[in-house]
Amino acid sequence: MNETPETEDLPPNLKLLRTLVTLLMVTMIGGFLVIVALFVIRMPGGDDALPLPDSLVLPEGAQPMAFTRGRDWVAVVTGDDRILIYDATTGDLRQTIVIAR
């Protein structure tokens, strides 16, 4: 009454397919781990953040439309086609650039 089924060997093409699928799985897991590691390594820390002034005083009637910052300056693009460049640490106005139409 010992009826254990006999193991059947897989055909050669199915063995190859199983090996390829396993290899693909291992490669995809490895690639995912590499991407996660790169994200962790490349994420900027909070210590080297660029400075921003506490507040900026815009000229009378200027409506801010865009903002950007550089290493030691910040720029505000206004609705009346001007670019106002401020010092990043003190907030003092450095330069005004008028955009020609």
N, C-alpha and C. Protein backbone atom coordinates (compact mmCIF):
# COMPACT_ATOMS: atom_id res chain seq x y z
N MET A 1 0.79 -1.18 0.00
CA MET A 1 0.00 0.00 0.00
C MET A 1 0.85 1.26 0.00
N ASN A 2 2.03 1.17 -0.24
CA ASN A 2 2.92 2.32 -0.35
C ASN A 2 2.85 2.84 -1.78
N GLU A 3 1.98 3.83 -1.99
CA GLU A 3 1.78 4.35 -3.32
C GLU A 3 2.37 5.74 -3.45
N THR A 4 3.65 5.88 -3.40
CA THR A 4 4.31 7.17 -3.61
C THR A 4 4.49 7.37 -5.10
N PRO A 5 4.11 8.54 -5.59
CA PRO A 5 4.24 8.76 -7.03
C PRO A 5 5.71 8.87 -7.42
N GLU A 6 5.99 8.39 -8.57
CA GLU A 6 7.35 8.48 -9.08
C GLU A 6 7.59 9.89 -9.60
N THR A 7 8.75 10.40 -9.33
CA THR A 7 9.07 11.74 -9.81
C THR A 7 9.39 11.70 -11.28
N GLU A 8 8.80 12.63 -11.98
CA GLU A 8 9.06 12.70 -13.41
C GLU A 8 10.02 13.84 -13.67
N ASP A 9 10.98 13.59 -14.49
CA ASP A 9 11.89 14.65 -14.87
C ASP A 9 11.20 15.56 -15.87
N LEU A 10 11.50 16.85 -15.76
CA LEU A 10 10.92 17.81 -16.69
C LEU A 10 11.61 17.69 -18.04
N PRO A 11 10.91 18.01 -19.10
CA PRO A 11 11.56 18.03 -20.41
C PRO A 11 12.68 19.08 -20.42
N PRO A 12 13.68 18.92 -21.25
CA PRO A 12 14.82 19.84 -21.26
C PRO A 12 14.43 21.30 -21.53
N ASN A 13 13.43 21.52 -22.39
CA ASN A 13 13.07 22.92 -22.66
C ASN A 13 12.40 23.58 -21.44
N LEU A 14 11.65 22.82 -20.63
CA LEU A 14 11.07 23.37 -19.41
C LEU A 14 12.11 23.60 -18.33
N LYS A 15 13.13 22.78 -18.28
CA LYS A 15 14.23 23.01 -17.33
C LYS A 15 14.95 24.31 -17.68
N LEU A 16 15.18 24.52 -18.97
CA LEU A 16 15.84 25.75 -19.41
C LEU A 16 14.96 26.95 -19.08
N LEU A 17 13.66 26.85 -19.34
CA LEU A 17 12.75 27.94 -19.06
C LEU A 17 12.70 28.25 -17.57
N ARG A 18 12.66 27.23 -16.74
CA ARG A 18 12.65 27.44 -15.29
C ARG A 18 13.94 28.11 -14.83
N THR A 19 15.07 27.71 -15.39
CA THR A 19 16.34 28.33 -15.05
C THR A 19 16.37 29.80 -15.47
N LEU A 20 15.85 30.09 -16.68
CA LEU A 20 15.84 31.46 -17.16
C LEU A 20 14.93 32.35 -16.32
N VAL A 21 13.78 31.84 -15.93
CA VAL A 21 12.87 32.62 -15.10
C VAL A 21 13.49 32.88 -13.73
N THR A 22 14.15 31.90 -13.18
CA THR A 22 14.83 32.09 -11.89
C THR A 22 15.95 33.11 -12.01
N LEU A 23 16.71 33.05 -13.08
CA LEU A 23 17.78 34.02 -13.32
C LEU A 23 17.22 35.43 -13.49
N LEU A 24 16.11 35.56 -14.21
CA LEU A 24 15.47 36.86 -14.37
C LEU A 24 15.00 37.41 -13.03
N MET A 25 14.42 36.56 -12.20
CA MET A 25 13.95 37.00 -10.89
C MET A 25 15.10 37.50 -10.03
N VAL A 26 16.20 36.76 -10.02
CA VAL A 26 17.36 37.16 -9.22
C VAL A 26 17.93 38.48 -9.74
N THR A 27 17.98 38.64 -11.07
CA THR A 27 18.50 39.88 -11.65
C THR A 27 17.61 41.07 -11.30
N MET A 28 16.30 40.88 -11.36
CA MET A 28 15.39 41.97 -11.03
C MET A 28 15.46 42.35 -9.56
N ILE A 29 15.58 41.38 -8.69
CA ILE A 29 15.72 41.68 -7.26
C ILE A 29 17.03 42.43 -7.01
N GLY A 30 18.10 41.97 -7.64
CA GLY A 30 19.38 42.66 -7.50
C GLY A 30 19.33 44.08 -8.02
N GLY A 31 18.69 44.29 -9.18
CA GLY A 31 18.56 45.64 -9.73
C GLY A 31 17.75 46.55 -8.83
N PHE A 32 16.67 46.02 -8.27
CA PHE A 32 15.85 46.81 -7.35
C PHE A 32 16.66 47.22 -6.12
N LEU A 33 17.44 46.30 -5.58
CA LEU A 33 18.27 46.63 -4.41
C LEU A 33 19.32 47.69 -4.75
N VAL A 34 19.88 47.61 -5.95
CA VAL A 34 20.86 48.62 -6.37
C VAL A 34 20.19 49.99 -6.48
N ILE A 35 18.98 50.05 -7.05
CA ILE A 35 18.28 51.33 -7.17
C ILE A 35 17.95 51.91 -5.79
N VAL A 36 17.49 51.08 -4.89
CA VAL A 36 17.20 51.55 -3.53
C VAL A 36 18.47 52.06 -2.86
N ALA A 37 19.57 51.33 -3.02
CA ALA A 37 20.84 51.76 -2.42
C ALA A 37 21.29 53.10 -3.01
N LEU A 38 21.13 53.29 -4.31
CA LEU A 38 21.52 54.56 -4.92
C LEU A 38 20.66 55.71 -4.42
N PHE A 39 19.36 55.48 -4.23
CA PHE A 39 18.51 56.52 -3.67
C PHE A 39 18.97 56.88 -2.26
N VAL A 40 19.29 55.92 -1.46
CA VAL A 40 19.72 56.17 -0.08
C VAL A 40 21.05 56.91 -0.06
N ILE A 41 21.98 56.50 -0.92
CA ILE A 41 23.30 57.13 -0.94
C ILE A 41 23.24 58.55 -1.49
N ARG A 42 22.44 58.77 -2.52
CA ARG A 42 22.43 60.05 -3.22
C ARG A 42 21.50 61.10 -2.61
N MET A 43 20.65 60.72 -1.67
CA MET A 43 19.74 61.70 -1.09
C MET A 43 20.53 62.75 -0.33
N PRO A 44 20.22 64.02 -0.58
CA PRO A 44 20.95 65.07 0.13
C PRO A 44 20.54 65.13 1.59
N GLY A 45 21.51 65.42 2.42
CA GLY A 45 21.23 65.56 3.84
C GLY A 45 20.70 66.94 4.15
N GLY A 46 20.17 67.12 5.31
CA GLY A 46 19.62 68.42 5.68
C GLY A 46 20.68 69.41 6.10
N ASP A 47 21.92 68.96 6.31
CA ASP A 47 22.95 69.85 6.82
C ASP A 47 23.47 70.82 5.77
N ASP A 48 23.49 70.43 4.52
CA ASP A 48 24.09 71.27 3.49
C ASP A 48 23.04 72.03 2.68
N ALA A 49 21.91 72.32 3.29
CA ALA A 49 20.85 73.04 2.59
C ALA A 49 21.28 74.48 2.33
N LEU A 50 20.84 75.01 1.21
CA LEU A 50 21.16 76.39 0.87
C LEU A 50 20.41 77.33 1.78
N PRO A 51 21.04 78.44 2.16
CA PRO A 51 20.37 79.36 3.09
C PRO A 51 19.25 80.14 2.41
N LEU A 52 18.24 80.44 3.16
CA LEU A 52 17.14 81.29 2.71
C LEU A 52 16.94 82.40 3.72
N PRO A 53 16.65 83.60 3.24
CA PRO A 53 16.37 84.69 4.20
C PRO A 53 15.03 84.45 4.89
N ASP A 54 14.89 85.02 6.06
CA ASP A 54 13.64 84.88 6.81
C ASP A 54 12.48 85.54 6.07
N SER A 55 12.74 86.70 5.47
CA SER A 55 11.70 87.40 4.72
C SER A 55 12.35 88.24 3.64
N LEU A 56 11.56 88.55 2.61
CA LEU A 56 12.00 89.43 1.53
C LEU A 56 11.00 90.56 1.41
N VAL A 57 11.50 91.76 1.20
CA VAL A 57 10.63 92.92 1.02
C VAL A 57 10.62 93.25 -0.46
N LEU A 58 9.46 93.05 -1.08
CA LEU A 58 9.32 93.35 -2.50
C LEU A 58 8.98 94.82 -2.68
N PRO A 59 9.38 95.40 -3.82
CA PRO A 59 9.01 96.80 -4.09
C PRO A 59 7.49 96.97 -4.15
N GLU A 60 7.04 98.19 -4.01
CA GLU A 60 5.62 98.52 -4.01
C GLU A 60 4.96 98.05 -5.31
N GLY A 61 3.88 97.29 -5.19
CA GLY A 61 3.12 96.84 -6.34
C GLY A 61 3.65 95.60 -7.04
N ALA A 62 4.75 95.05 -6.58
CA ALA A 62 5.33 93.87 -7.23
C ALA A 62 4.62 92.61 -6.74
N GLN A 63 4.16 91.82 -7.69
CA GLN A 63 3.50 90.56 -7.39
C GLN A 63 4.45 89.42 -7.75
N PRO A 64 4.84 88.57 -6.80
CA PRO A 64 5.76 87.48 -7.13
C PRO A 64 5.09 86.43 -8.02
N MET A 65 5.81 86.01 -9.07
CA MET A 65 5.30 85.00 -9.99
C MET A 65 6.13 83.71 -9.92
N ALA A 66 7.44 83.85 -9.64
CA ALA A 66 8.32 82.68 -9.56
C ALA A 66 9.45 83.00 -8.60
N PHE A 67 10.07 81.93 -8.12
CA PHE A 67 11.15 82.06 -7.14
C PHE A 67 12.21 81.01 -7.46
N THR A 68 13.46 81.40 -7.35
CA THR A 68 14.56 80.44 -7.49
C THR A 68 15.69 80.88 -6.59
N ARG A 69 16.62 79.97 -6.38
CA ARG A 69 17.74 80.33 -5.51
C ARG A 69 19.04 79.80 -6.09
N GLY A 70 20.09 80.48 -5.74
CA GLY A 70 21.44 80.06 -6.11
C GLY A 70 22.23 79.79 -4.86
N ARG A 71 23.54 79.73 -5.01
CA ARG A 71 24.39 79.42 -3.86
C ARG A 71 24.33 80.51 -2.79
N ASP A 72 24.37 81.79 -3.20
CA ASP A 72 24.34 82.87 -2.21
C ASP A 72 23.34 83.96 -2.60
N TRP A 73 22.37 83.63 -3.41
CA TRP A 73 21.35 84.60 -3.83
C TRP A 73 20.02 83.90 -4.04
N VAL A 74 18.97 84.70 -3.99
CA VAL A 74 17.63 84.23 -4.34
C VAL A 74 17.05 85.23 -5.34
N ALA A 75 16.22 84.75 -6.25
CA ALA A 75 15.63 85.62 -7.27
C ALA A 75 14.12 85.46 -7.25
N VAL A 76 13.44 86.59 -7.42
CA VAL A 76 11.99 86.60 -7.50
C VAL A 76 11.63 87.24 -8.83
N VAL A 77 10.85 86.53 -9.62
CA VAL A 77 10.33 87.08 -10.87
C VAL A 77 8.97 87.67 -10.55
N THR A 78 8.77 88.92 -10.95
CA THR A 78 7.52 89.60 -10.62
C THR A 78 6.61 89.64 -11.84
N GLY A 79 5.35 89.97 -11.59
CA GLY A 79 4.36 90.03 -12.65
C GLY A 79 4.56 91.18 -13.61
N ASP A 80 5.33 92.19 -13.21
CA ASP A 80 5.59 93.32 -14.10
C ASP A 80 6.93 93.17 -14.84
N ASP A 81 7.32 91.93 -15.11
CA ASP A 81 8.51 91.58 -15.91
C ASP A 81 9.81 92.14 -15.35
N ARG A 82 10.02 91.89 -14.07
CA ARG A 82 11.30 92.21 -13.44
C ARG A 82 11.81 90.98 -12.71
N ILE A 83 13.12 90.90 -12.60
CA ILE A 83 13.76 89.86 -11.79
C ILE A 83 14.49 90.58 -10.67
N LEU A 84 14.11 90.27 -9.46
CA LEU A 84 14.72 90.89 -8.28
C LEU A 84 15.66 89.87 -7.64
N ILE A 85 16.92 90.24 -7.54
CA ILE A 85 17.93 89.34 -6.98
C ILE A 85 18.30 89.84 -5.59
N TYR A 86 18.14 88.95 -4.61
CA TYR A 86 18.40 89.28 -3.21
C TYR A 86 19.56 88.46 -2.68
N ASP A 87 20.23 88.99 -1.66
CA ASP A 87 21.27 88.24 -0.95
C ASP A 87 20.58 87.15 -0.13
N ALA A 88 21.10 85.94 -0.18
CA ALA A 88 20.44 84.81 0.47
C ALA A 88 20.52 84.85 1.99
N THR A 89 21.56 85.44 2.54
CA THR A 89 21.69 85.44 4.00
C THR A 89 21.05 86.66 4.64
N THR A 90 21.18 87.82 4.02
CA THR A 90 20.66 89.04 4.65
C THR A 90 19.29 89.44 4.12
N GLY A 91 18.95 89.06 2.90
CA GLY A 91 17.68 89.45 2.31
C GLY A 91 17.72 90.81 1.66
N ASP A 92 18.91 91.40 1.52
CA ASP A 92 19.05 92.72 0.89
C ASP A 92 18.96 92.58 -0.63
N LEU A 93 18.33 93.57 -1.27
CA LEU A 93 18.19 93.59 -2.72
C LEU A 93 19.55 93.89 -3.34
N ARG A 94 20.04 93.00 -4.19
CA ARG A 94 21.33 93.18 -4.87
C ARG A 94 21.17 93.84 -6.23
N GLN A 95 20.20 93.35 -7.01
CA GLN A 95 20.10 93.78 -8.39
C GLN A 95 18.66 93.64 -8.87
N THR A 96 18.28 94.55 -9.77
CA THR A 96 16.98 94.47 -10.43
C THR A 96 17.23 94.36 -11.92
N ILE A 97 16.62 93.38 -12.55
CA ILE A 97 16.76 93.19 -14.00
C ILE A 97 15.38 93.37 -14.60
N VAL A 98 15.27 94.26 -15.59
CA VAL A 98 14.01 94.49 -16.28
C VAL A 98 14.03 93.64 -17.55
N ILE A 99 12.98 92.86 -17.75
CA ILE A 99 12.89 92.00 -18.91
C ILE A 99 12.26 92.80 -20.04
N ALA A 100 12.98 92.91 -21.16
CA ALA A 100 12.49 93.67 -22.30
C ALA A 100 11.43 92.87 -23.06
N ARG A 101 10.43 93.55 -23.53
CA ARG A 101 9.37 92.88 -24.30
C ARG A 101 9.60 92.99 -25.77
